[in-house]
Amino acid sequence: MNKFSLSTAGILVAALLTSVSVNAATKDAKADVTPKSMSCQEFIDLNPQTMAPVAFWVLNEDEDFKGGDYVTFDETVTTAVPLTVEICKKHPQSELAKIKDEIKKELSK
């Protein structure tokens, strides 16, 4: 083998080892990132642009509405997010998923 192929092989091995070590480090650091266990305070602290998708997920997760009905994204943005923020400010330690029924009750009025 010449010097070029040895140095190329060394670079490839170093890159592979770096990739494996970075993957192993981030694998342990990954958490289940869903709103399922999010607290109201965490919801309030979100960037306002991310509130609507989170509220939409919470309101529609595991729901079996008759006729395939669901809370639309537009309804979530215009009414559910402000309502959720209002309720969460009253109960910041509550889990977001646990106030889902209260939000739906207010939306149905």
PDB file of N, CA and C in Angstrom:
ATOM      1  N   MET A   1       0.841  -1.186   0.000  1.00  0.00           N
ATOM      2  CA  MET A   1       0.000   0.000   0.000  1.00  0.00           C
ATOM      3  C   MET A   1       0.880   1.241   0.000  1.00  0.00           C
ATOM      4  N   ASN A   2       0.400   2.253  -0.645  1.00  0.00           N
ATOM      5  CA  ASN A   2       1.161   3.495  -0.643  1.00  0.00           C
ATOM      6  C   ASN A   2       0.668   4.428   0.456  1.00  0.00           C
ATOM      7  N   LYS A   3       1.369   5.544   0.626  1.00  0.00           N
ATOM      8  CA  LYS A   3       1.033   6.487   1.694  1.00  0.00           C
ATOM      9  C   LYS A   3      -0.374   7.048   1.532  1.00  0.00           C
ATOM     10  N   PHE A   4      -0.791   7.274   0.294  1.00  0.00           N
ATOM     11  CA  PHE A   4      -2.104   7.860   0.039  1.00  0.00           C
ATOM     12  C   PHE A   4      -3.217   6.935   0.506  1.00  0.00           C
ATOM     13  N   SER A   5      -3.139   5.677   0.190  1.00  0.00           N
ATOM     14  CA  SER A   5      -4.207   4.760   0.581  1.00  0.00           C
ATOM     15  C   SER A   5      -4.213   4.528   2.095  1.00  0.00           C
ATOM     16  N   LEU A   6      -3.040   4.546   2.744  1.00  0.00           N
ATOM     17  CA  LEU A   6      -2.993   4.410   4.198  1.00  0.00           C
ATOM     18  C   LEU A   6      -3.618   5.629   4.888  1.00  0.00           C
ATOM     19  N   SER A   7      -3.321   6.811   4.381  1.00  0.00           N
ATOM     20  CA  SER A   7      -3.884   8.013   4.997  1.00  0.00           C
ATOM     21  C   SER A   7      -5.394   8.077   4.743  1.00  0.00           C
ATOM     22  N   THR A   8      -5.824   7.648   3.575  1.00  0.00           N
ATOM     23  CA  THR A   8      -7.263   7.619   3.274  1.00  0.00           C
ATOM     24  C   THR A   8      -7.963   6.627   4.187  1.00  0.00           C
ATOM     25  N   ALA A   9      -7.372   5.468   4.383  1.00  0.00           N
ATOM     26  CA  ALA A   9      -7.953   4.469   5.272  1.00  0.00           C
ATOM     27  C   ALA A   9      -8.005   5.003   6.703  1.00  0.00           C
ATOM     28  N   GLY A  10      -6.962   5.701   7.126  1.00  0.00           N
ATOM     29  CA  GLY A  10      -6.936   6.281   8.470  1.00  0.00           C
ATOM     30  C   GLY A  10      -8.033   7.319   8.661  1.00  0.00           C
ATOM     31  N   ILE A  11      -8.254   8.140   7.652  1.00  0.00           N
ATOM     32  CA  ILE A  11      -9.304   9.157   7.714  1.00  0.00           C
ATOM     33  C   ILE A  11     -10.668   8.496   7.774  1.00  0.00           C
ATOM     34  N   LEU A  12     -10.887   7.472   6.984  1.00  0.00           N
ATOM     35  CA  LEU A  12     -12.164   6.772   6.983  1.00  0.00           C
ATOM     36  C   LEU A  12     -12.434   6.097   8.332  1.00  0.00           C
ATOM     37  N   VAL A  13     -11.408   5.482   8.912  1.00  0.00           N
ATOM     38  CA  VAL A  13     -11.571   4.836  10.214  1.00  0.00           C
ATOM     39  C   VAL A  13     -11.868   5.890  11.285  1.00  0.00           C
ATOM     40  N   ALA A  14     -11.174   7.014  11.246  1.00  0.00           N
ATOM     41  CA  ALA A  14     -11.410   8.082  12.225  1.00  0.00           C
ATOM     42  C   ALA A  14     -12.829   8.638  12.094  1.00  0.00           C
ATOM     43  N   ALA A  15     -13.278   8.814  10.855  1.00  0.00           N
ATOM     44  CA  ALA A  15     -14.639   9.312  10.630  1.00  0.00           C
ATOM     45  C   ALA A  15     -15.673   8.320  11.127  1.00  0.00           C
ATOM     46  N   LEU A  16     -15.436   7.048  10.881  1.00  0.00           N
ATOM     47  CA  LEU A  16     -16.356   6.007  11.337  1.00  0.00           C
ATOM     48  C   LEU A  16     -16.413   5.957  12.854  1.00  0.00           C
ATOM     49  N   LEU A  17     -15.270   6.003  13.522  1.00  0.00           N
ATOM     50  CA  LEU A  17     -15.230   5.980  14.981  1.00  0.00           C
ATOM     51  C   LEU A  17     -15.909   7.221  15.572  1.00  0.00           C
ATOM     52  N   THR A  18     -15.697   8.368  14.956  1.00  0.00           N
ATOM     53  CA  THR A  18     -16.353   9.593  15.416  1.00  0.00           C
ATOM     54  C   THR A  18     -17.858   9.476  15.265  1.00  0.00           C
ATOM     55  N   SER A  19     -18.303   8.952  14.139  1.00  0.00           N
ATOM     56  CA  SER A  19     -19.729   8.782  13.899  1.00  0.00           C
ATOM     57  C   SER A  19     -20.358   7.844  14.917  1.00  0.00           C
ATOM     58  N   VAL A  20     -19.693   6.752  15.205  1.00  0.00           N
ATOM     59  CA  VAL A  20     -20.202   5.778  16.170  1.00  0.00           C
ATOM     60  C   VAL A  20     -20.266   6.391  17.566  1.00  0.00           C
ATOM     61  N   SER A  21     -19.236   7.131  17.966  1.00  0.00           N
ATOM     62  CA  SER A  21     -19.225   7.713  19.309  1.00  0.00           C
ATOM     63  C   SER A  21     -20.259   8.824  19.450  1.00  0.00           C
ATOM     64  N   VAL A  22     -20.454   9.635  18.419  1.00  0.00           N
ATOM     65  CA  VAL A  22     -21.479  10.678  18.456  1.00  0.00           C
ATOM     66  C   VAL A  22     -22.859  10.046  18.507  1.00  0.00           C
ATOM     67  N   ASN A  23     -23.074   8.998  17.726  1.00  0.00           N
ATOM     68  CA  ASN A  23     -24.365   8.313  17.720  1.00  0.00           C
ATOM     69  C   ASN A  23     -24.660   7.702  19.086  1.00  0.00           C
ATOM     70  N   ALA A  24     -23.669   7.112  19.712  1.00  0.00           N
ATOM     71  CA  ALA A  24     -23.857   6.501  21.031  1.00  0.00           C
ATOM     72  C   ALA A  24     -24.159   7.565  22.079  1.00  0.00           C
ATOM     73  N   ALA A  25     -23.501   8.714  21.984  1.00  0.00           N
ATOM     74  CA  ALA A  25     -23.726   9.791  22.960  1.00  0.00           C
ATOM     75  C   ALA A  25     -25.114  10.390  22.806  1.00  0.00           C
ATOM     76  N   THR A  26     -25.563  10.593  21.573  1.00  0.00           N
ATOM     77  CA  THR A  26     -26.882  11.196  21.373  1.00  0.00           C
ATOM     78  C   THR A  26     -27.997  10.198  21.594  1.00  0.00           C
ATOM     79  N   LYS A  27     -27.717   8.921  21.439  1.00  0.00           N
ATOM     80  CA  LYS A  27     -28.743   7.902  21.665  1.00  0.00           C
ATOM     81  C   LYS A  27     -29.198   7.911  23.123  1.00  0.00           C
ATOM     82  N   ASP A  28     -28.254   8.075  24.048  1.00  0.00           N
ATOM     83  CA  ASP A  28     -28.593   8.122  25.469  1.00  0.00           C
ATOM     84  C   ASP A  28     -29.286   9.423  25.836  1.00  0.00           C
ATOM     85  N   ALA A  29     -28.982  10.510  25.124  1.00  0.00           N
ATOM     86  CA  ALA A  29     -29.538  11.817  25.460  1.00  0.00           C
ATOM     87  C   ALA A  29     -30.944  12.018  24.886  1.00  0.00           C
ATOM     88  N   LYS A  30     -31.363  11.201  23.937  1.00  0.00           N
ATOM     89  CA  LYS A  30     -32.671  11.372  23.333  1.00  0.00           C
ATOM     90  C   LYS A  30     -33.765  11.053  24.342  1.00  0.00           C
ATOM     91  N   ALA A  31     -34.785  11.880  24.344  1.00  0.00           N
ATOM     92  CA  ALA A  31     -35.925  11.660  25.232  1.00  0.00           C
ATOM     93  C   ALA A  31     -37.180  11.568  24.374  1.00  0.00           C
ATOM     94  N   ASP A  32     -38.204  11.038  24.956  1.00  0.00           N
ATOM     95  CA  ASP A  32     -39.480  10.955  24.270  1.00  0.00           C
ATOM     96  C   ASP A  32     -40.072  12.366  24.227  1.00  0.00           C
ATOM     97  N   VAL A  33     -40.003  12.989  23.060  1.00  0.00           N
ATOM     98  CA  VAL A  33     -40.427  14.375  22.937  1.00  0.00           C
ATOM     99  C   VAL A  33     -41.836  14.423  22.359  1.00  0.00           C
ATOM    100  N   THR A  34     -42.814  14.303  23.240  1.00  0.00           N
ATOM    101  CA  THR A  34     -44.211  14.455  22.850  1.00  0.00           C
ATOM    102  C   THR A  34     -44.904  15.275  23.920  1.00  0.00           C
ATOM    103  N   PRO A  35     -46.010  15.887  23.580  1.00  0.00           N
ATOM    104  CA  PRO A  35     -46.742  16.676  24.568  1.00  0.00           C
ATOM    105  C   PRO A  35     -47.479  15.828  25.599  1.00  0.00           C
ATOM    106  N   LYS A  36     -47.368  14.519  25.505  1.00  0.00           N
ATOM    107  CA  LYS A  36     -48.116  13.637  26.393  1.00  0.00           C
ATOM    108  C   LYS A  36     -47.888  13.955  27.870  1.00  0.00           C
ATOM    109  N   SER A  37     -46.666  14.229  28.265  1.00  0.00           N
ATOM    110  CA  SER A  37     -46.379  14.505  29.668  1.00  0.00           C
ATOM    111  C   SER A  37     -45.989  15.960  29.910  1.00  0.00           C
ATOM    112  N   MET A  38     -46.265  16.823  28.953  1.00  0.00           N
ATOM    113  CA  MET A  38     -45.907  18.240  29.067  1.00  0.00           C
ATOM    114  C   MET A  38     -46.772  18.925  30.125  1.00  0.00           C
ATOM    115  N   SER A  39     -46.136  19.731  30.946  1.00  0.00           N
ATOM    116  CA  SER A  39     -46.897  20.480  31.947  1.00  0.00           C
ATOM    117  C   SER A  39     -47.444  21.760  31.306  1.00  0.00           C
ATOM    118  N   CYS A  40     -48.412  22.342  31.961  1.00  0.00           N
ATOM    119  CA  CYS A  40     -48.978  23.596  31.462  1.00  0.00           C
ATOM    120  C   CYS A  40     -47.916  24.692  31.411  1.00  0.00           C
ATOM    121  N   GLN A  41     -47.032  24.710  32.411  1.00  0.00           N
ATOM    122  CA  GLN A  41     -45.987  25.735  32.418  1.00  0.00           C
ATOM    123  C   GLN A  41     -45.065  25.562  31.215  1.00  0.00           C
ATOM    124  N   GLU A  42     -44.753  24.333  30.855  1.00  0.00           N
ATOM    125  CA  GLU A  42     -43.927  24.085  29.667  1.00  0.00           C
ATOM    126  C   GLU A  42     -44.656  24.548  28.409  1.00  0.00           C
ATOM    127  N   PHE A  43     -45.967  24.363  28.356  1.00  0.00           N
ATOM    128  CA  PHE A  43     -46.744  24.832  27.210  1.00  0.00           C
ATOM    129  C   PHE A  43     -46.700  26.352  27.128  1.00  0.00           C
ATOM    130  N   ILE A  44     -46.862  27.023  28.259  1.00  0.00           N
ATOM    131  CA  ILE A  44     -46.823  28.488  28.275  1.00  0.00           C
ATOM    132  C   ILE A  44     -45.453  28.999  27.836  1.00  0.00           C
ATOM    133  N   ASP A  45     -44.396  28.270  28.195  1.00  0.00           N
ATOM    134  CA  ASP A  45     -43.029  28.675  27.865  1.00  0.00           C
ATOM    135  C   ASP A  45     -42.639  28.395  26.418  1.00  0.00           C
ATOM    136  N   LEU A  46     -43.494  27.689  25.674  1.00  0.00           N
ATOM    137  CA  LEU A  46     -43.182  27.375  24.275  1.00  0.00           C
ATOM    138  C   LEU A  46     -43.138  28.630  23.423  1.00  0.00           C
ATOM    139  N   ASN A  47     -42.424  28.531  22.318  1.00  0.00           N
ATOM    140  CA  ASN A  47     -42.480  29.554  21.290  1.00  0.00           C
ATOM    141  C   ASN A  47     -43.921  29.591  20.780  1.00  0.00           C
ATOM    142  N   PRO A  48     -44.551  30.755  20.689  1.00  0.00           N
ATOM    143  CA  PRO A  48     -45.950  30.823  20.251  1.00  0.00           C
ATOM    144  C   PRO A  48     -46.233  30.112  18.919  1.00  0.00           C
ATOM    145  N   GLN A  49     -45.247  30.027  18.039  1.00  0.00           N
ATOM    146  CA  GLN A  49     -45.450  29.346  16.761  1.00  0.00           C
ATOM    147  C   GLN A  49     -45.585  27.834  16.928  1.00  0.00           C
ATOM    148  N   THR A  50     -45.107  27.301  18.023  1.00  0.00           N
ATOM    149  CA  THR A  50     -45.202  25.852  18.228  1.00  0.00           C
ATOM    150  C   THR A  50     -46.397  25.458  19.090  1.00  0.00           C
ATOM    151  N   MET A  51     -47.096  26.438  19.624  1.00  0.00           N
ATOM    152  CA  MET A  51     -48.241  26.133  20.483  1.00  0.00           C
ATOM    153  C   MET A  51     -49.375  25.451  19.719  1.00  0.00           C
ATOM    154  N   ALA A  52     -49.669  25.913  18.511  1.00  0.00           N
ATOM    155  CA  ALA A  52     -50.793  25.344  17.755  1.00  0.00           C
ATOM    156  C   ALA A  52     -50.583  23.864  17.426  1.00  0.00           C
ATOM    157  N   PRO A  53     -49.418  23.456  16.914  1.00  0.00           N
ATOM    158  CA  PRO A  53     -49.244  22.020  16.660  1.00  0.00           C
ATOM    159  C   PRO A  53     -49.324  21.171  17.921  1.00  0.00           C
ATOM    160  N   VAL A  54     -48.808  21.688  19.034  1.00  0.00           N
ATOM    161  CA  VAL A  54     -48.866  20.934  20.288  1.00  0.00           C
ATOM    162  C   VAL A  54     -50.314  20.806  20.749  1.00  0.00           C
ATOM    163  N   ALA A  55     -51.058  21.916  20.722  1.00  0.00           N
ATOM    164  CA  ALA A  55     -52.466  21.882  21.127  1.00  0.00           C
ATOM    165  C   ALA A  55     -53.269  20.971  20.206  1.00  0.00           C
ATOM    166  N   PHE A  56     -52.992  21.013  18.910  1.00  0.00           N
ATOM    167  CA  PHE A  56     -53.686  20.151  17.945  1.00  0.00           C
ATOM    168  C   PHE A  56     -53.431  18.692  18.276  1.00  0.00           C
ATOM    169  N   TRP A  57     -52.180  18.355  18.589  1.00  0.00           N
ATOM    170  CA  TRP A  57     -51.822  16.976  18.926  1.00  0.00           C
ATOM    171  C   TRP A  57     -52.546  16.534  20.191  1.00  0.00           C
ATOM    172  N   VAL A  58     -52.545  17.388  21.206  1.00  0.00           N
ATOM    173  CA  VAL A  58     -53.183  17.035  22.473  1.00  0.00           C
ATOM    174  C   VAL A  58     -54.682  16.833  22.287  1.00  0.00           C
ATOM    175  N   LEU A  59     -55.328  17.726  21.562  1.00  0.00           N
ATOM    176  CA  LEU A  59     -56.781  17.650  21.405  1.00  0.00           C
ATOM    177  C   LEU A  59     -57.234  16.482  20.538  1.00  0.00           C
ATOM    178  N   ASN A  60     -56.405  16.036  19.620  1.00  0.00           N
ATOM    179  CA  ASN A  60     -56.824  14.997  18.688  1.00  0.00           C
ATOM    180  C   ASN A  60     -56.184  13.640  18.917  1.00  0.00           C
ATOM    181  N   GLU A  61     -55.248  13.536  19.840  1.00  0.00           N
ATOM    182  CA  GLU A  61     -54.585  12.261  20.089  1.00  0.00           C
ATOM    183  C   GLU A  61     -55.559  11.268  20.728  1.00  0.00           C
ATOM    184  N   ASP A  62     -55.548  10.063  20.229  1.00  0.00           N
ATOM    185  CA  ASP A  62     -56.363   8.971  20.767  1.00  0.00           C
ATOM    186  C   ASP A  62     -57.851   9.301  20.853  1.00  0.00           C
ATOM    187  N   GLU A  63     -58.349  10.048  19.902  1.00  0.00           N
ATOM    188  CA  GLU A  63     -59.778  10.383  19.888  1.00  0.00           C
ATOM    189  C   GLU A  63     -60.480   9.577  18.811  1.00  0.00           C
ATOM    190  N   ASP A  64     -61.623   9.055  19.141  1.00  0.00           N
ATOM    191  CA  ASP A  64     -62.462   8.345  18.184  1.00  0.00           C
ATOM    192  C   ASP A  64     -63.805   9.064  18.115  1.00  0.00           C
ATOM    193  N   PHE A  65     -63.823  10.127  17.318  1.00  0.00           N
ATOM    194  CA  PHE A  65     -65.055  10.879  17.156  1.00  0.00           C
ATOM    195  C   PHE A  65     -65.961  10.161  16.166  1.00  0.00           C
ATOM    196  N   LYS A  66     -67.253  10.310  16.331  1.00  0.00           N
ATOM    197  CA  LYS A  66     -68.197   9.709  15.401  1.00  0.00           C
ATOM    198  C   LYS A  66     -68.085  10.422  14.057  1.00  0.00           C
ATOM    199  N   GLY A  67     -68.121   9.664  12.996  1.00  0.00           N
ATOM    200  CA  GLY A  67     -68.082  10.237  11.657  1.00  0.00           C
ATOM    201  C   GLY A  67     -66.735  10.797  11.263  1.00  0.00           C
ATOM    202  N   GLY A  68     -65.674  10.442  11.980  1.00  0.00           N
ATOM    203  CA  GLY A  68     -64.336  10.922  11.627  1.00  0.00           C
ATOM    204  C   GLY A  68     -64.118  12.386  11.960  1.00  0.00           C
ATOM    205  N   ASP A  69     -64.943  12.962  12.829  1.00  0.00           N
ATOM    206  CA  ASP A  69     -64.836  14.363  13.203  1.00  0.00           C
ATOM    207  C   ASP A  69     -63.585  14.578  14.056  1.00  0.00           C
ATOM    208  N   TYR A  70     -63.064  15.788  14.045  1.00  0.00           N
ATOM    209  CA  TYR A  70     -61.907  16.132  14.856  1.00  0.00           C
ATOM    210  C   TYR A  70     -61.858  17.651  15.024  1.00  0.00           C
ATOM    211  N   VAL A  71     -61.012  18.125  15.936  1.00  0.00           N
ATOM    212  CA  VAL A  71     -60.815  19.556  16.112  1.00  0.00           C
ATOM    213  C   VAL A  71     -59.870  20.010  15.013  1.00  0.00           C
ATOM    214  N   THR A  72     -60.341  20.907  14.137  1.00  0.00           N
ATOM    215  CA  THR A  72     -59.530  21.322  12.992  1.00  0.00           C
ATOM    216  C   THR A  72     -58.326  22.145  13.444  1.00  0.00           C
ATOM    217  N   PHE A  73     -57.328  22.226  12.564  1.00  0.00           N
ATOM    218  CA  PHE A  73     -56.137  23.001  12.884  1.00  0.00           C
ATOM    219  C   PHE A  73     -56.481  24.480  13.000  1.00  0.00           C
ATOM    220  N   ASP A  74     -57.356  24.978  12.116  1.00  0.00           N
ATOM    221  CA  ASP A  74     -57.756  26.391  12.183  1.00  0.00           C
ATOM    222  C   ASP A  74     -58.455  26.707  13.502  1.00  0.00           C
ATOM    223  N   GLU A  75     -59.330  25.814  13.935  1.00  0.00           N
ATOM    224  CA  GLU A  75     -60.006  26.009  15.218  1.00  0.00           C
ATOM    225  C   GLU A  75     -58.998  25.952  16.366  1.00  0.00           C
ATOM    226  N   THR A  76     -58.017  25.108  16.232  1.00  0.00           N
ATOM    227  CA  THR A  76     -56.980  25.010  17.257  1.00  0.00           C
ATOM    228  C   THR A  76     -56.211  26.315  17.359  1.00  0.00           C
ATOM    229  N   VAL A  77     -55.818  26.870  16.209  1.00  0.00           N
ATOM    230  CA  VAL A  77     -55.027  28.099  16.199  1.00  0.00           C
ATOM    231  C   VAL A  77     -55.825  29.278  16.754  1.00  0.00           C
ATOM    232  N   THR A  78     -57.061  29.413  16.318  1.00  0.00           N
ATOM    233  CA  THR A  78     -57.825  30.612  16.674  1.00  0.00           C
ATOM    234  C   THR A  78     -58.489  30.547  18.049  1.00  0.00           C
ATOM    235  N   THR A  79     -58.894  29.382  18.497  1.00  0.00           N
ATOM    236  CA  THR A  79     -59.616  29.312  19.768  1.00  0.00           C
ATOM    237  C   THR A  79     -58.952  28.435  20.811  1.00  0.00           C
ATOM    238  N   ALA A  80     -58.447  27.290  20.435  1.00  0.00           N
ATOM    239  CA  ALA A  80     -57.924  26.347  21.425  1.00  0.00           C
ATOM    240  C   ALA A  80     -56.625  26.829  22.061  1.00  0.00           C
ATOM    241  N   VAL A  81     -55.736  27.427  21.296  1.00  0.00           N
ATOM    242  CA  VAL A  81     -54.461  27.877  21.863  1.00  0.00           C
ATOM    243  C   VAL A  81     -54.675  28.981  22.897  1.00  0.00           C
ATOM    244  N   PRO A  82     -55.435  30.050  22.578  1.00  0.00           N
ATOM    245  CA  PRO A  82     -55.656  31.061  23.623  1.00  0.00           C
ATOM    246  C   PRO A  82     -56.376  30.496  24.855  1.00  0.00           C
ATOM    247  N   LEU A  83     -57.316  29.612  24.620  1.00  0.00           N
ATOM    248  CA  LEU A  83     -58.034  28.989  25.729  1.00  0.00           C
ATOM    249  C   LEU A  83     -57.098  28.122  26.568  1.00  0.00           C
ATOM    250  N   THR A  84     -56.245  27.370  25.918  1.00  0.00           N
ATOM    251  CA  THR A  84     -55.282  26.518  26.623  1.00  0.00           C
ATOM    252  C   THR A  84     -54.317  27.362  27.443  1.00  0.00           C
ATOM    253  N   VAL A  85     -53.834  28.456  26.883  1.00  0.00           N
ATOM    254  CA  VAL A  85     -52.934  29.347  27.629  1.00  0.00           C
ATOM    255  C   VAL A  85     -53.648  29.909  28.850  1.00  0.00           C
ATOM    256  N   GLU A  86     -54.902  30.320  28.673  1.00  0.00           N
ATOM    257  CA  GLU A  86     -55.677  30.864  29.786  1.00  0.00           C
ATOM    258  C   GLU A  86     -55.852  29.834  30.911  1.00  0.00           C
ATOM    259  N   ILE A  87     -56.222  28.615  30.538  1.00  0.00           N
ATOM    260  CA  ILE A  87     -56.411  27.556  31.539  1.00  0.00           C
ATOM    261  C   ILE A  87     -55.072  27.181  32.181  1.00  0.00           C
ATOM    262  N   CYS A  88     -54.024  27.119  31.384  1.00  0.00           N
ATOM    263  CA  CYS A  88     -52.708  26.749  31.903  1.00  0.00           C
ATOM    264  C   CYS A  88     -52.161  27.796  32.871  1.00  0.00           C
ATOM    265  N   LYS A  89     -52.486  29.054  32.646  1.00  0.00           N
ATOM    266  CA  LYS A  89     -52.029  30.086  33.582  1.00  0.00           C
ATOM    267  C   LYS A  89     -52.697  29.913  34.943  1.00  0.00           C
ATOM    268  N   LYS A  90     -53.901  29.362  34.960  1.00  0.00           N
ATOM    269  CA  LYS A  90     -54.598  29.106  36.225  1.00  0.00           C
ATOM    270  C   LYS A  90     -54.040  27.873  36.934  1.00  0.00           C
ATOM    271  N   HIS A  91     -53.573  26.890  36.156  1.00  0.00           N
ATOM    272  CA  HIS A  91     -53.085  25.616  36.702  1.00  0.00           C
ATOM    273  C   HIS A  91     -51.741  25.247  36.066  1.00  0.00           C
ATOM    274  N   PRO A  92     -50.665  26.000  36.364  1.00  0.00           N
ATOM    275  CA  PRO A  92     -49.387  25.765  35.668  1.00  0.00           C
ATOM    276  C   PRO A  92     -48.746  24.409  35.939  1.00  0.00           C
ATOM    277  N   GLN A  93     -49.071  23.758  37.035  1.00  0.00           N
ATOM    278  CA  GLN A  93     -48.450  22.480  37.355  1.00  0.00           C
ATOM    279  C   GLN A  93     -49.198  21.297  36.752  1.00  0.00           C
ATOM    280  N   SER A  94     -50.390  21.521  36.209  1.00  0.00           N
ATOM    281  CA  SER A  94     -51.174  20.429  35.622  1.00  0.00           C
ATOM    282  C   SER A  94     -50.509  19.919  34.351  1.00  0.00           C
ATOM    283  N   GLU A  95     -50.764  18.660  34.048  1.00  0.00           N
ATOM    284  CA  GLU A  95     -50.295  18.121  32.773  1.00  0.00           C
ATOM    285  C   GLU A  95     -51.252  18.576  31.685  1.00  0.00           C
ATOM    286  N   LEU A  96     -50.703  18.886  30.550  1.00  0.00           N
ATOM    287  CA  LEU A  96     -51.494  19.389  29.424  1.00  0.00           C
ATOM    288  C   LEU A  96     -52.556  18.382  29.004  1.00  0.00           C
ATOM    289  N   ALA A  97     -52.210  17.119  28.994  1.00  0.00           N
ATOM    290  CA  ALA A  97     -53.165  16.090  28.580  1.00  0.00           C
ATOM    291  C   ALA A  97     -54.335  15.966  29.555  1.00  0.00           C
ATOM    292  N   LYS A  98     -54.117  16.336  30.808  1.00  0.00           N
ATOM    293  CA  LYS A  98     -55.174  16.198  31.808  1.00  0.00           C
ATOM    294  C   LYS A  98     -56.196  17.326  31.762  1.00  0.00           C
ATOM    295  N   ILE A  99     -55.856  18.449  31.122  1.00  0.00           N
ATOM    296  CA  ILE A  99     -56.831  19.534  31.005  1.00  0.00           C
ATOM    297  C   ILE A  99     -57.553  19.501  29.661  1.00  0.00           C
ATOM    298  N   LYS A 100     -57.289  18.462  28.896  1.00  0.00           N
ATOM    299  CA  LYS A 100     -57.879  18.300  27.570  1.00  0.00           C
ATOM    300  C   LYS A 100     -59.408  18.344  27.623  1.00  0.00           C
ATOM    301  N   ASP A 101     -60.013  17.655  28.586  1.00  0.00           N
ATOM    302  CA  ASP A 101     -61.475  17.641  28.691  1.00  0.00           C
ATOM    303  C   ASP A 101     -62.029  19.027  28.986  1.00  0.00           C
ATOM    304  N   GLU A 102     -61.332  19.768  29.832  1.00  0.00           N
ATOM    305  CA  GLU A 102     -61.766  21.128  30.149  1.00  0.00           C
ATOM    306  C   GLU A 102     -61.711  22.027  28.916  1.00  0.00           C
ATOM    307  N   ILE A 103     -60.666  21.872  28.118  1.00  0.00           N
ATOM    308  CA  ILE A 103     -60.536  22.651  26.884  1.00  0.00           C
ATOM    309  C   ILE A 103     -61.661  22.311  25.918  1.00  0.00           C
ATOM    310  N   LYS A 104     -61.923  21.014  25.740  1.00  0.00           N
ATOM    311  CA  LYS A 104     -62.979  20.582  24.815  1.00  0.00           C
ATOM    312  C   LYS A 104     -64.349  21.055  25.281  1.00  0.00           C
ATOM    313  N   LYS A 105     -64.567  21.066  26.600  1.00  0.00           N
ATOM    314  CA  LYS A 105     -65.841  21.512  27.138  1.00  0.00           C
ATOM    315  C   LYS A 105     -66.056  22.995  26.806  1.00  0.00           C
ATOM    316  N   GLU A 106     -64.997  23.780  26.961  1.00  0.00           N
ATOM    317  CA  GLU A 106     -65.089  25.214  26.648  1.00  0.00           C
ATOM    318  C   GLU A 106     -65.253  25.451  25.144  1.00  0.00           C
ATOM    319  N   LEU A 107     -64.609  24.636  24.331  1.00  0.00           N
ATOM    320  CA  LEU A 107     -64.728  24.796  22.873  1.00  0.00           C
ATOM    321  C   LEU A 107     -66.121  24.463  22.371  1.00  0.00           C
ATOM    322  N   SER A 108     -66.799  23.575  23.061  1.00  0.00           N
ATOM    323  CA  SER A 108     -68.128  23.155  22.604  1.00  0.00           C
ATOM    324  C   SER A 108     -69.220  24.164  22.959  1.00  0.00           C
ATOM    325  N   LYS A 109     -68.908  25.174  23.767  1.00  0.00           N
ATOM    326  CA  LYS A 109     -69.909  26.178  24.143  1.00  0.00           C
ATOM    327  C   LYS A 109     -70.251  27.079  22.989  1.00  0.00           C
TER     328      LYS A 109
END
